[in-house]
Amino acid sequence: MAVFYFGLDGSVSSIDFFATPFLASMNQRDSDRSCLLKLYLRQPGYGTSYITGKYLLERTLADYSKQVEERGKDFQMKDIFDILNALD
């Protein structure tokens, strides 16, 4: 079974349903999944941007916790989120 994606430029793409893990077990949420599929097909870097962002946040947390502990203080997760939330 294949899903077809019709691009704005008139192109047609298809993807095999069962090659895509999250679409393999279709149920009542078909429309939600097809919206997700369209989002990922329209923006090829969408999924990888989440992976990259997660990596960058984890690296920032690790670096910050190391700096705090080198100063002899205890690392508190709340502190870094307070700093991040204060940024404009």
Protein backbone atom coordinates (compact mmCIF):
# COMPACT_ATOMS: atom_id res chain seq x y z
CA MET A 1 0.00 0.00 0.00
CA ALA A 2 1.34 3.45 -0.87
CA VAL A 3 0.50 7.00 0.12
CA PHE A 4 0.76 9.64 -2.54
CA TYR A 5 1.85 13.18 -1.88
CA PHE A 6 0.98 15.89 -4.37
CA GLY A 7 3.44 18.76 -4.21
CA LEU A 8 2.64 22.41 -4.84
CA ASP A 9 4.77 22.30 -7.98
CA GLY A 10 2.62 19.52 -9.46
CA SER A 11 5.04 16.73 -8.58
CA VAL A 12 3.76 13.45 -7.23
CA SER A 13 5.65 11.42 -4.63
CA SER A 14 4.75 8.13 -3.02
CA ILE A 15 5.82 6.38 0.12
CA ASP A 16 5.29 2.76 1.09
CA PHE A 17 3.00 2.62 4.14
CA PHE A 18 4.68 -0.37 5.70
CA ALA A 19 8.17 1.03 5.23
CA THR A 20 7.14 3.86 7.56
CA PRO A 21 6.95 2.51 11.14
CA PHE A 22 4.48 4.97 12.59
CA LEU A 23 2.06 4.38 9.72
CA ALA A 24 2.25 0.60 9.85
CA SER A 25 -0.69 0.19 12.22
CA MET A 26 -3.37 2.47 10.82
CA ASN A 27 -6.45 3.02 12.99
CA GLN A 28 -8.96 5.79 13.74
CA ARG A 29 -6.16 8.35 13.77
CA ASP A 30 -5.55 8.04 10.03
CA SER A 31 -6.06 11.75 9.41
CA ASP A 32 -3.58 12.68 12.17
CA ARG A 33 -0.97 10.39 10.70
CA SER A 34 -1.52 11.58 7.16
CA CYS A 35 -1.07 15.17 8.38
CA LEU A 36 2.21 14.13 10.02
CA LEU A 37 3.31 12.38 6.85
CA LYS A 38 2.55 15.47 4.76
CA LEU A 39 4.48 17.66 7.21
CA TYR A 40 7.57 15.45 7.05
CA LEU A 41 7.38 15.18 3.25
CA ARG A 42 7.01 18.92 2.77
CA GLN A 43 9.89 19.74 5.09
CA PRO A 44 12.61 17.11 4.71
CA GLY A 45 14.74 18.53 7.53
CA TYR A 46 11.86 18.69 10.01
CA GLY A 47 12.62 15.43 11.84
CA THR A 48 16.38 15.88 11.88
CA SER A 49 16.01 19.38 13.33
CA TYR A 50 14.45 17.83 16.43
CA ILE A 51 17.36 15.40 16.75
CA THR A 52 19.87 18.23 16.31
CA GLY A 53 18.06 20.47 18.80
CA LYS A 54 17.93 17.65 21.35
CA TYR A 55 21.66 17.06 20.93
CA LEU A 56 22.45 20.77 21.32
CA LEU A 57 20.30 21.09 24.44
CA GLU A 58 21.88 17.99 26.01
CA ARG A 59 25.35 19.33 25.22
CA THR A 60 24.46 22.71 26.74
CA LEU A 61 23.14 21.02 29.89
CA ALA A 62 26.30 18.93 30.19
CA ASP A 63 28.61 21.93 29.73
CA TYR A 64 26.65 24.09 32.16
CA SER A 65 26.50 21.39 34.83
CA LYS A 66 30.26 20.88 34.52
CA GLN A 67 30.90 24.61 34.94
CA VAL A 68 28.63 24.82 37.99
CA GLU A 69 30.21 21.79 39.64
CA GLU A 70 33.72 23.12 38.98
CA ARG A 71 32.71 26.18 41.04
CA GLY A 72 31.83 23.84 43.90
CA LYS A 73 28.07 24.28 43.65
CA ASP A 74 25.33 21.72 43.09
CA PHE A 75 23.78 21.64 39.65
CA GLN A 76 20.05 22.32 39.66
CA MET A 77 18.09 21.73 36.44
CA LYS A 78 15.81 24.62 37.39
CA ASP A 79 18.72 27.07 37.18
CA ILE A 80 19.48 26.40 33.52
CA PHE A 81 15.83 26.61 32.55
CA ASP A 82 15.55 29.91 34.41
CA ILE A 83 18.49 31.20 32.34
CA LEU A 84 17.03 29.88 29.08
CA ASN A 85 13.59 31.33 29.82
CA ALA A 86 15.12 34.73 30.58
CA LEU A 87 16.62 34.97 27.09
CA ASP A 88 14.77 37.19 24.63
